[in-house]
Amino acid sequence: MPIVAVSIAPSGTPGTSLSKYVAEAERVIREDGRVKYRLDPMFTTMQGELSVCFEIIQKMHEVLFAMGAPRVGTVIKIDDRRDKIVDMEDKVRAVEEKLNR
């Protein structure tokens, strides 16, 4: 199942704080409920069917325009491994295990 990291940020907004925009983008993914996700300091990471992730990302992107942002930048990174099933926690666990050796 693909793991997708997304960062969505408005430009041209009054002030430098982006937390209210991030909160509304997060609300989209939370209310959708079709993917597993985690908010991180710089990206939101989600896991689910790729077409569903893209659909949610588009809604997250559009909500910033609905809030009045004149410009929105979105960065997407996809890890789509098909040789075995790996989830978000497995990736983190693999690194932590190597650190603890």
PDB file of N, CA and C in Angstrom:
ATOM      1  N   MET A   1       0.843  -1.173   0.000  1.00  0.00           N
ATOM      2  CA  MET A   1       0.000   0.000   0.000  1.00  0.00           C
ATOM      3  C   MET A   1       0.892   1.240   0.000  1.00  0.00           C
ATOM      4  N   PRO A   2       0.672   2.182  -0.907  1.00  0.00           N
ATOM      5  CA  PRO A   2       1.523   3.362  -1.001  1.00  0.00           C
ATOM      6  C   PRO A   2       1.536   4.192   0.280  1.00  0.00           C
ATOM      7  N   ILE A   3       2.697   4.780   0.533  1.00  0.00           N
ATOM      8  CA  ILE A   3       2.867   5.750   1.598  1.00  0.00           C
ATOM      9  C   ILE A   3       3.160   7.074   0.901  1.00  0.00           C
ATOM     10  N   VAL A   4       2.401   8.110   1.248  1.00  0.00           N
ATOM     11  CA  VAL A   4       2.485   9.392   0.555  1.00  0.00           C
ATOM     12  C   VAL A   4       2.734  10.495   1.574  1.00  0.00           C
ATOM     13  N   ALA A   5       3.771  11.298   1.328  1.00  0.00           N
ATOM     14  CA  ALA A   5       4.039  12.470   2.156  1.00  0.00           C
ATOM     15  C   ALA A   5       3.604  13.692   1.360  1.00  0.00           C
ATOM     16  N   VAL A   6       2.893  14.594   2.014  1.00  0.00           N
ATOM     17  CA  VAL A   6       2.416  15.797   1.340  1.00  0.00           C
ATOM     18  C   VAL A   6       2.638  17.018   2.229  1.00  0.00           C
ATOM     19  N   SER A   7       3.089  18.080   1.595  1.00  0.00           N
ATOM     20  CA  SER A   7       3.226  19.366   2.262  1.00  0.00           C
ATOM     21  C   SER A   7       2.507  20.397   1.403  1.00  0.00           C
ATOM     22  N   ILE A   8       1.567  21.103   2.004  1.00  0.00           N
ATOM     23  CA  ILE A   8       0.774  22.092   1.287  1.00  0.00           C
ATOM     24  C   ILE A   8       0.903  23.418   2.026  1.00  0.00           C
ATOM     25  N   ALA A   9       1.311  24.459   1.301  1.00  0.00           N
ATOM     26  CA  ALA A   9       1.509  25.747   1.950  1.00  0.00           C
ATOM     27  C   ALA A   9       1.015  26.878   1.059  1.00  0.00           C
ATOM     28  N   PRO A  10       0.311  27.838   1.654  1.00  0.00           N
ATOM     29  CA  PRO A  10      -0.142  29.002   0.893  1.00  0.00           C
ATOM     30  C   PRO A  10       0.977  30.039   0.780  1.00  0.00           C
ATOM     31  N   SER A  11       0.878  30.877  -0.226  1.00  0.00           N
ATOM     32  CA  SER A  11       1.761  32.041  -0.375  1.00  0.00           C
ATOM     33  C   SER A  11       0.883  33.271  -0.523  1.00  0.00           C
ATOM     34  N   GLY A  12       1.437  34.406  -0.137  1.00  0.00           N
ATOM     35  CA  GLY A  12       0.707  35.661  -0.304  1.00  0.00           C
ATOM     36  C   GLY A  12      -0.367  35.897   0.730  1.00  0.00           C
ATOM     37  N   THR A  13      -0.255  35.229   1.860  1.00  0.00           N
ATOM     38  CA  THR A  13      -1.240  35.406   2.928  1.00  0.00           C
ATOM     39  C   THR A  13      -0.730  36.452   3.910  1.00  0.00           C
ATOM     40  N   PRO A  14      -1.622  37.101   4.626  1.00  0.00           N
ATOM     41  CA  PRO A  14      -1.157  38.066   5.624  1.00  0.00           C
ATOM     42  C   PRO A  14      -0.473  37.330   6.777  1.00  0.00           C
ATOM     43  N   GLY A  15       0.666  37.787   7.188  1.00  0.00           N
ATOM     44  CA  GLY A  15       1.381  37.166   8.295  1.00  0.00           C
ATOM     45  C   GLY A  15       2.209  35.976   7.855  1.00  0.00           C
ATOM     46  N   THR A  16       2.964  35.434   8.794  1.00  0.00           N
ATOM     47  CA  THR A  16       3.866  34.323   8.489  1.00  0.00           C
ATOM     48  C   THR A  16       3.398  32.989   9.056  1.00  0.00           C
ATOM     49  N   SER A  17       2.452  32.998   9.968  1.00  0.00           N
ATOM     50  CA  SER A  17       1.977  31.749  10.558  1.00  0.00           C
ATOM     51  C   SER A  17       1.109  30.984   9.558  1.00  0.00           C
ATOM     52  N   LEU A  18       1.339  29.688   9.460  1.00  0.00           N
ATOM     53  CA  LEU A  18       0.574  28.842   8.542  1.00  0.00           C
ATOM     54  C   LEU A  18      -0.301  27.827   9.268  1.00  0.00           C
ATOM     55  N   SER A  19      -0.286  27.822  10.582  1.00  0.00           N
ATOM     56  CA  SER A  19      -0.970  26.762  11.331  1.00  0.00           C
ATOM     57  C   SER A  19      -2.463  26.686  11.050  1.00  0.00           C
ATOM     58  N   LYS A  20      -3.130  27.812  10.822  1.00  0.00           N
ATOM     59  CA  LYS A  20      -4.567  27.731  10.550  1.00  0.00           C
ATOM     60  C   LYS A  20      -4.827  27.075   9.196  1.00  0.00           C
ATOM     61  N   TYR A  21      -3.917  27.248   8.252  1.00  0.00           N
ATOM     62  CA  TYR A  21      -4.060  26.602   6.943  1.00  0.00           C
ATOM     63  C   TYR A  21      -3.772  25.103   7.052  1.00  0.00           C
ATOM     64  N   VAL A  22      -2.743  24.776   7.798  1.00  0.00           N
ATOM     65  CA  VAL A  22      -2.409  23.364   8.019  1.00  0.00           C
ATOM     66  C   VAL A  22      -3.567  22.669   8.720  1.00  0.00           C
ATOM     67  N   ALA A  23      -4.158  23.328   9.706  1.00  0.00           N
ATOM     68  CA  ALA A  23      -5.276  22.728  10.444  1.00  0.00           C
ATOM     69  C   ALA A  23      -6.453  22.431   9.517  1.00  0.00           C
ATOM     70  N   GLU A  24      -6.757  23.332   8.603  1.00  0.00           N
ATOM     71  CA  GLU A  24      -7.877  23.089   7.695  1.00  0.00           C
ATOM     72  C   GLU A  24      -7.561  21.981   6.695  1.00  0.00           C
ATOM     73  N   ALA A  25      -6.320  21.914   6.237  1.00  0.00           N
ATOM     74  CA  ALA A  25      -5.919  20.816   5.349  1.00  0.00           C
ATOM     75  C   ALA A  25      -5.995  19.487   6.100  1.00  0.00           C
ATOM     76  N   GLU A  26      -5.578  19.476   7.352  1.00  0.00           N
ATOM     77  CA  GLU A  26      -5.653  18.262   8.170  1.00  0.00           C
ATOM     78  C   GLU A  26      -7.103  17.865   8.420  1.00  0.00           C
ATOM     79  N   ARG A  27      -7.960  18.840   8.578  1.00  0.00           N
ATOM     80  CA  ARG A  27      -9.385  18.549   8.795  1.00  0.00           C
ATOM     81  C   ARG A  27      -9.960  17.773   7.603  1.00  0.00           C
ATOM     82  N   VAL A  28      -9.502  18.118   6.404  1.00  0.00           N
ATOM     83  CA  VAL A  28      -9.962  17.413   5.201  1.00  0.00           C
ATOM     84  C   VAL A  28      -9.624  15.933   5.292  1.00  0.00           C
ATOM     85  N   ILE A  29      -8.394  15.617   5.621  1.00  0.00           N
ATOM     86  CA  ILE A  29      -7.971  14.204   5.670  1.00  0.00           C
ATOM     87  C   ILE A  29      -8.647  13.489   6.836  1.00  0.00           C
ATOM     88  N   ARG A  30      -8.794  14.175   7.954  1.00  0.00           N
ATOM     89  CA  ARG A  30      -9.442  13.576   9.126  1.00  0.00           C
ATOM     90  C   ARG A  30     -10.901  13.246   8.844  1.00  0.00           C
ATOM     91  N   GLU A  31     -11.601  14.183   8.254  1.00  0.00           N
ATOM     92  CA  GLU A  31     -13.024  13.967   7.990  1.00  0.00           C
ATOM     93  C   GLU A  31     -13.259  12.963   6.875  1.00  0.00           C
ATOM     94  N   ASP A  32     -12.317  12.835   5.960  1.00  0.00           N
ATOM     95  CA  ASP A  32     -12.467  11.854   4.875  1.00  0.00           C
ATOM     96  C   ASP A  32     -12.457  10.437   5.434  1.00  0.00           C
ATOM     97  N   GLY A  33     -11.495  10.126   6.284  1.00  0.00           N
ATOM     98  CA  GLY A  33     -11.465   8.847   6.984  1.00  0.00           C
ATOM     99  C   GLY A  33     -11.056   7.619   6.181  1.00  0.00           C
ATOM    100  N   ARG A  34     -10.633   7.776   4.931  1.00  0.00           N
ATOM    101  CA  ARG A  34     -10.310   6.596   4.127  1.00  0.00           C
ATOM    102  C   ARG A  34      -8.856   6.171   4.182  1.00  0.00           C
ATOM    103  N   VAL A  35      -7.987   7.013   4.740  1.00  0.00           N
ATOM    104  CA  VAL A  35      -6.571   6.661   4.797  1.00  0.00           C
ATOM    105  C   VAL A  35      -6.052   6.790   6.223  1.00  0.00           C
ATOM    106  N   LYS A  36      -5.025   6.024   6.486  1.00  0.00           N
ATOM    107  CA  LYS A  36      -4.292   6.155   7.741  1.00  0.00           C
ATOM    108  C   LYS A  36      -3.340   7.335   7.535  1.00  0.00           C
ATOM    109  N   TYR A  37      -3.179   8.202   8.539  1.00  0.00           N
ATOM    110  CA  TYR A  37      -2.310   9.354   8.352  1.00  0.00           C
ATOM    111  C   TYR A  37      -1.654   9.781   9.653  1.00  0.00           C
ATOM    112  N   ARG A  38      -0.611  10.602   9.494  1.00  0.00           N
ATOM    113  CA  ARG A  38       0.109  11.135  10.643  1.00  0.00           C
ATOM    114  C   ARG A  38       0.584  12.541  10.303  1.00  0.00           C
ATOM    115  N   LEU A  39       0.326  13.486  11.180  1.00  0.00           N
ATOM    116  CA  LEU A  39       0.828  14.848  11.035  1.00  0.00           C
ATOM    117  C   LEU A  39       2.240  14.907  11.604  1.00  0.00           C
ATOM    118  N   ASP A  40       3.163  15.385  10.807  1.00  0.00           N
ATOM    119  CA  ASP A  40       4.541  15.591  11.234  1.00  0.00           C
ATOM    120  C   ASP A  40       4.851  17.086  11.137  1.00  0.00           C
ATOM    121  N   PRO A  41       5.989  17.539  11.647  1.00  0.00           N
ATOM    122  CA  PRO A  41       6.268  18.976  11.638  1.00  0.00           C
ATOM    123  C   PRO A  41       6.325  19.616  10.240  1.00  0.00           C
ATOM    124  N   MET A  42       6.764  18.859   9.242  1.00  0.00           N
ATOM    125  CA  MET A  42       6.937  19.438   7.916  1.00  0.00           C
ATOM    126  C   MET A  42       6.033  18.832   6.841  1.00  0.00           C
ATOM    127  N   PHE A  43       5.547  17.635   7.060  1.00  0.00           N
ATOM    128  CA  PHE A  43       4.715  16.931   6.086  1.00  0.00           C
ATOM    129  C   PHE A  43       3.586  16.220   6.824  1.00  0.00           C
ATOM    130  N   THR A  44       2.564  15.852   6.091  1.00  0.00           N
ATOM    131  CA  THR A  44       1.578  14.895   6.554  1.00  0.00           C
ATOM    132  C   THR A  44       1.852  13.622   5.771  1.00  0.00           C
ATOM    133  N   THR A  45       1.945  12.508   6.470  1.00  0.00           N
ATOM    134  CA  THR A  45       2.180  11.232   5.819  1.00  0.00           C
ATOM    135  C   THR A  45       0.894  10.432   5.876  1.00  0.00           C
ATOM    136  N   MET A  46       0.510   9.876   4.732  1.00  0.00           N
ATOM    137  CA  MET A  46      -0.710   9.075   4.679  1.00  0.00           C
ATOM    138  C   MET A  46      -0.429   7.757   3.991  1.00  0.00           C
ATOM    139  N   GLN A  47      -1.265   6.793   4.266  1.00  0.00           N
ATOM    140  CA  GLN A  47      -1.141   5.474   3.661  1.00  0.00           C
ATOM    141  C   GLN A  47      -2.503   5.024   3.201  1.00  0.00           C
ATOM    142  N   GLY A  48      -2.590   4.687   1.923  1.00  0.00           N
ATOM    143  CA  GLY A  48      -3.860   4.242   1.363  1.00  0.00           C
ATOM    144  C   GLY A  48      -3.729   4.044  -0.132  1.00  0.00           C
ATOM    145  N   GLU A  49      -4.834   3.719  -0.758  1.00  0.00           N
ATOM    146  CA  GLU A  49      -4.833   3.562  -2.209  1.00  0.00           C
ATOM    147  C   GLU A  49      -4.391   4.879  -2.840  1.00  0.00           C
ATOM    148  N   LEU A  50      -3.535   4.785  -3.845  1.00  0.00           N
ATOM    149  CA  LEU A  50      -2.958   5.983  -4.446  1.00  0.00           C
ATOM    150  C   LEU A  50      -4.019   6.928  -5.007  1.00  0.00           C
ATOM    151  N   SER A  51      -5.020   6.393  -5.664  1.00  0.00           N
ATOM    152  CA  SER A  51      -6.072   7.251  -6.222  1.00  0.00           C
ATOM    153  C   SER A  51      -6.817   7.997  -5.117  1.00  0.00           C
ATOM    154  N   VAL A  52      -7.021   7.355  -3.982  1.00  0.00           N
ATOM    155  CA  VAL A  52      -7.689   7.991  -2.842  1.00  0.00           C
ATOM    156  C   VAL A  52      -6.792   9.078  -2.258  1.00  0.00           C
ATOM    157  N   CYS A  53      -5.505   8.782  -2.119  1.00  0.00           N
ATOM    158  CA  CYS A  53      -4.561   9.783  -1.604  1.00  0.00           C
ATOM    159  C   CYS A  53      -4.559  11.022  -2.491  1.00  0.00           C
ATOM    160  N   PHE A  54      -4.514  10.823  -3.815  1.00  0.00           N
ATOM    161  CA  PHE A  54      -4.535  11.965  -4.731  1.00  0.00           C
ATOM    162  C   PHE A  54      -5.824  12.775  -4.599  1.00  0.00           C
ATOM    163  N   GLU A  55      -6.929  12.093  -4.442  1.00  0.00           N
ATOM    164  CA  GLU A  55      -8.216  12.774  -4.281  1.00  0.00           C
ATOM    165  C   GLU A  55      -8.219  13.633  -3.018  1.00  0.00           C
ATOM    166  N   ILE A  56      -7.713  13.078  -1.938  1.00  0.00           N
ATOM    167  CA  ILE A  56      -7.655  13.814  -0.670  1.00  0.00           C
ATOM    168  C   ILE A  56      -6.692  14.985  -0.782  1.00  0.00           C
ATOM    169  N   ILE A  57      -5.543  14.772  -1.404  1.00  0.00           N
ATOM    170  CA  ILE A  57      -4.561  15.845  -1.570  1.00  0.00           C
ATOM    171  C   ILE A  57      -5.160  16.999  -2.364  1.00  0.00           C
ATOM    172  N   GLN A  58      -5.904  16.688  -3.406  1.00  0.00           N
ATOM    173  CA  GLN A  58      -6.533  17.759  -4.179  1.00  0.00           C
ATOM    174  C   GLN A  58      -7.511  18.550  -3.314  1.00  0.00           C
ATOM    175  N   LYS A  59      -8.274  17.885  -2.483  1.00  0.00           N
ATOM    176  CA  LYS A  59      -9.202  18.588  -1.587  1.00  0.00           C
ATOM    177  C   LYS A  59      -8.436  19.439  -0.571  1.00  0.00           C
ATOM    178  N   MET A  60      -7.330  18.892  -0.050  1.00  0.00           N
ATOM    179  CA  MET A  60      -6.501  19.643   0.897  1.00  0.00           C
ATOM    180  C   MET A  60      -5.937  20.894   0.221  1.00  0.00           C
ATOM    181  N   HIS A  61      -5.474  20.744  -1.002  1.00  0.00           N
ATOM    182  CA  HIS A  61      -4.926  21.848  -1.788  1.00  0.00           C
ATOM    183  C   HIS A  61      -5.993  22.927  -2.012  1.00  0.00           C
ATOM    184  N   GLU A  62      -7.182  22.507  -2.400  1.00  0.00           N
ATOM    185  CA  GLU A  62      -8.267  23.440  -2.715  1.00  0.00           C
ATOM    186  C   GLU A  62      -8.794  24.181  -1.488  1.00  0.00           C
ATOM    187  N   VAL A  63      -8.740  23.546  -0.321  1.00  0.00           N
ATOM    188  CA  VAL A  63      -9.286  24.203   0.870  1.00  0.00           C
ATOM    189  C   VAL A  63      -8.490  25.466   1.200  1.00  0.00           C
ATOM    190  N   LEU A  64      -7.200  25.499   0.880  1.00  0.00           N
ATOM    191  CA  LEU A  64      -6.410  26.703   1.136  1.00  0.00           C
ATOM    192  C   LEU A  64      -6.858  27.857   0.238  1.00  0.00           C
ATOM    193  N   PHE A  65      -7.207  27.551  -1.006  1.00  0.00           N
ATOM    194  CA  PHE A  65      -7.763  28.588  -1.878  1.00  0.00           C
ATOM    195  C   PHE A  65      -9.103  29.070  -1.326  1.00  0.00           C
ATOM    196  N   ALA A  66      -9.903  28.157  -0.836  1.00  0.00           N
ATOM    197  CA  ALA A  66     -11.204  28.521  -0.263  1.00  0.00           C
ATOM    198  C   ALA A  66     -11.038  29.431   0.955  1.00  0.00           C
ATOM    199  N   MET A  67      -9.885  29.333   1.607  1.00  0.00           N
ATOM    200  CA  MET A  67      -9.603  30.194   2.760  1.00  0.00           C
ATOM    201  C   MET A  67      -9.067  31.563   2.337  1.00  0.00           C
ATOM    202  N   GLY A  68      -8.888  31.764   1.033  1.00  0.00           N
ATOM    203  CA  GLY A  68      -8.435  33.066   0.546  1.00  0.00           C
ATOM    204  C   GLY A  68      -6.985  33.137   0.116  1.00  0.00           C
ATOM    205  N   ALA A  69      -6.265  32.029   0.164  1.00  0.00           N
ATOM    206  CA  ALA A  69      -4.870  32.051  -0.283  1.00  0.00           C
ATOM    207  C   ALA A  69      -4.833  32.319  -1.792  1.00  0.00           C
ATOM    208  N   PRO A  70      -4.009  33.282  -2.237  1.00  0.00           N
ATOM    209  CA  PRO A  70      -3.934  33.561  -3.664  1.00  0.00           C
ATOM    210  C   PRO A  70      -3.041  32.583  -4.426  1.00  0.00           C
ATOM    211  N   ARG A  71      -2.204  31.867  -3.692  1.00  0.00           N
ATOM    212  CA  ARG A  71      -1.274  30.918  -4.312  1.00  0.00           C
ATOM    213  C   ARG A  71      -1.026  29.776  -3.326  1.00  0.00           C
ATOM    214  N   VAL A  72      -0.960  28.539  -3.846  1.00  0.00           N
ATOM    215  CA  VAL A  72      -0.747  27.364  -2.995  1.00  0.00           C
ATOM    216  C   VAL A  72       0.310  26.476  -3.647  1.00  0.00           C
ATOM    217  N   GLY A  73       1.297  26.074  -2.857  1.00  0.00           N
ATOM    218  CA  GLY A  73       2.321  25.144  -3.333  1.00  0.00           C
ATOM    219  C   GLY A  73       2.152  23.809  -2.632  1.00  0.00           C
ATOM    220  N   THR A  74       2.182  22.733  -3.403  1.00  0.00           N
ATOM    221  CA  THR A  74       2.013  21.391  -2.851  1.00  0.00           C
ATOM    222  C   THR A  74       3.163  20.507  -3.302  1.00  0.00           C
ATOM    223  N   VAL A  75       3.786  19.833  -2.336  1.00  0.00           N
ATOM    224  CA  VAL A  75       4.868  18.890  -2.602  1.00  0.00           C
ATOM    225  C   VAL A  75       4.375  17.509  -2.218  1.00  0.00           C
ATOM    226  N   ILE A  76       4.561  16.532  -3.120  1.00  0.00           N
ATOM    227  CA  ILE A  76       4.108  15.160  -2.887  1.00  0.00           C
ATOM    228  C   ILE A  76       5.276  14.212  -3.096  1.00  0.00           C
ATOM    229  N   LYS A  77       5.465  13.302  -2.150  1.00  0.00           N
ATOM    230  CA  LYS A  77       6.471  12.243  -2.266  1.00  0.00           C
ATOM    231  C   LYS A  77       5.761  10.915  -2.055  1.00  0.00           C
ATOM    232  N   ILE A  78       5.989   9.956  -2.960  1.00  0.00           N
ATOM    233  CA  ILE A  78       5.285   8.675  -2.918  1.00  0.00           C
ATOM    234  C   ILE A  78       6.282   7.540  -2.808  1.00  0.00           C
ATOM    235  N   ASP A  79       6.033   6.629  -1.869  1.00  0.00           N
ATOM    236  CA  ASP A  79       6.775   5.373  -1.768  1.00  0.00           C
ATOM    237  C   ASP A  79       5.760   4.259  -2.030  1.00  0.00           C
ATOM    238  N   ASP A  80       5.828   3.694  -3.217  1.00  0.00           N
ATOM    239  CA  ASP A  80       4.861   2.676  -3.636  1.00  0.00           C
ATOM    240  C   ASP A  80       5.610   1.358  -3.826  1.00  0.00           C
ATOM    241  N   ARG A  81       5.776   0.628  -2.756  1.00  0.00           N
ATOM    242  CA  ARG A  81       6.510  -0.637  -2.779  1.00  0.00           C
ATOM    243  C   ARG A  81       5.544  -1.781  -3.055  1.00  0.00           C
ATOM    244  N   ARG A  82       5.868  -2.594  -4.049  1.00  0.00           N
ATOM    245  CA  ARG A  82       4.945  -3.655  -4.439  1.00  0.00           C
ATOM    246  C   ARG A  82       5.499  -5.060  -4.245  1.00  0.00           C
ATOM    247  N   ASP A  83       6.732  -5.173  -3.753  1.00  0.00           N
ATOM    248  CA  ASP A  83       7.284  -6.507  -3.533  1.00  0.00           C
ATOM    249  C   ASP A  83       6.900  -7.091  -2.186  1.00  0.00           C
ATOM    250  N   LYS A  84       6.486  -6.233  -1.249  1.00  0.00           N
ATOM    251  CA  LYS A  84       5.981  -6.707   0.039  1.00  0.00           C
ATOM    252  C   LYS A  84       5.152  -5.616   0.688  1.00  0.00           C
ATOM    253  N   ILE A  85       4.347  -6.000   1.662  1.00  0.00           N
ATOM    254  CA  ILE A  85       3.480  -5.053   2.358  1.00  0.00           C
ATOM    255  C   ILE A  85       4.273  -4.393   3.477  1.00  0.00           C
ATOM    256  N   VAL A  86       4.335  -3.073   3.435  1.00  0.00           N
ATOM    257  CA  VAL A  86       5.045  -2.287   4.442  1.00  0.00           C
ATOM    258  C   VAL A  86       4.159  -1.100   4.791  1.00  0.00           C
ATOM    259  N   ASP A  87       4.022  -0.828   6.106  1.00  0.00           N
ATOM    260  CA  ASP A  87       3.266   0.367   6.468  1.00  0.00           C
ATOM    261  C   ASP A  87       4.187   1.400   7.094  1.00  0.00           C
ATOM    262  N   MET A  88       3.630   2.533   7.448  1.00  0.00           N
ATOM    263  CA  MET A  88       4.426   3.646   7.959  1.00  0.00           C
ATOM    264  C   MET A  88       5.247   3.239   9.179  1.00  0.00           C
ATOM    265  N   GLU A  89       4.627   2.519  10.083  1.00  0.00           N
ATOM    266  CA  GLU A  89       5.316   2.123  11.305  1.00  0.00           C
ATOM    267  C   GLU A  89       6.462   1.148  11.025  1.00  0.00           C
ATOM    268  N   ASP A  90       6.286   0.274  10.040  1.00  0.00           N
ATOM    269  CA  ASP A  90       7.352  -0.668   9.673  1.00  0.00           C
ATOM    270  C   ASP A  90       8.611   0.071   9.238  1.00  0.00           C
ATOM    271  N   LYS A  91       8.451   1.128   8.463  1.00  0.00           N
ATOM    272  CA  LYS A  91       9.602   1.887   7.979  1.00  0.00           C
ATOM    273  C   LYS A  91      10.367   2.518   9.138  1.00  0.00           C
ATOM    274  N   VAL A  92       9.641   3.099  10.083  1.00  0.00           N
ATOM    275  CA  VAL A  92      10.276   3.720  11.245  1.00  0.00           C
ATOM    276  C   VAL A  92      10.923   2.654  12.122  1.00  0.00           C
ATOM    277  N   ARG A  93      10.214   1.570  12.345  1.00  0.00           N
ATOM    278  CA  ARG A  93      10.725   0.481  13.188  1.00  0.00           C
ATOM    279  C   ARG A  93      12.027  -0.089  12.630  1.00  0.00           C
ATOM    280  N   ALA A  94      12.125  -0.241  11.325  1.00  0.00           N
ATOM    281  CA  ALA A  94      13.335  -0.796  10.708  1.00  0.00           C
ATOM    282  C   ALA A  94      14.551   0.074  11.008  1.00  0.00           C
ATOM    283  N   VAL A  95      14.384   1.370  10.968  1.00  0.00           N
ATOM    284  CA  VAL A  95      15.499   2.280  11.270  1.00  0.00           C
ATOM    285  C   VAL A  95      15.825   2.239  12.756  1.00  0.00           C
ATOM    286  N   GLU A  96      14.797   2.260  13.605  1.00  0.00           N
ATOM    287  CA  GLU A  96      15.043   2.229  15.050  1.00  0.00           C
ATOM    288  C   GLU A  96      15.766   0.950  15.471  1.00  0.00           C
ATOM    289  N   GLU A  97      15.420  -0.180  14.862  1.00  0.00           N
ATOM    290  CA  GLU A  97      16.089  -1.432  15.167  1.00  0.00           C
ATOM    291  C   GLU A  97      17.577  -1.359  14.828  1.00  0.00           C
ATOM    292  N   LYS A  98      17.893  -0.740  13.707  1.00  0.00           N
ATOM    293  CA  LYS A  98      19.293  -0.609  13.329  1.00  0.00           C
ATOM    294  C   LYS A  98      20.037   0.349  14.246  1.00  0.00           C
ATOM    295  N   LEU A  99      19.370   1.365  14.755  1.00  0.00           N
ATOM    296  CA  LEU A  99      19.992   2.291  15.695  1.00  0.00           C
ATOM    297  C   LEU A  99      20.291   1.619  17.032  1.00  0.00           C
ATOM    298  N   ASN A 100      19.466   0.658  17.411  1.00  0.00           N
ATOM    299  CA  ASN A 100      19.613  -0.005  18.710  1.00  0.00           C
ATOM    300  C   ASN A 100      20.566  -1.186  18.692  1.00  0.00           C
ATOM    301  N   ARG A 101      21.203  -1.450  17.587  1.00  0.00           N
ATOM    302  CA  ARG A 101      22.157  -2.578  17.524  1.00  0.00           C
ATOM    303  C   ARG A 101      23.419  -2.263  18.255  1.00  0.00           C
TER     304      ARG A 101
END
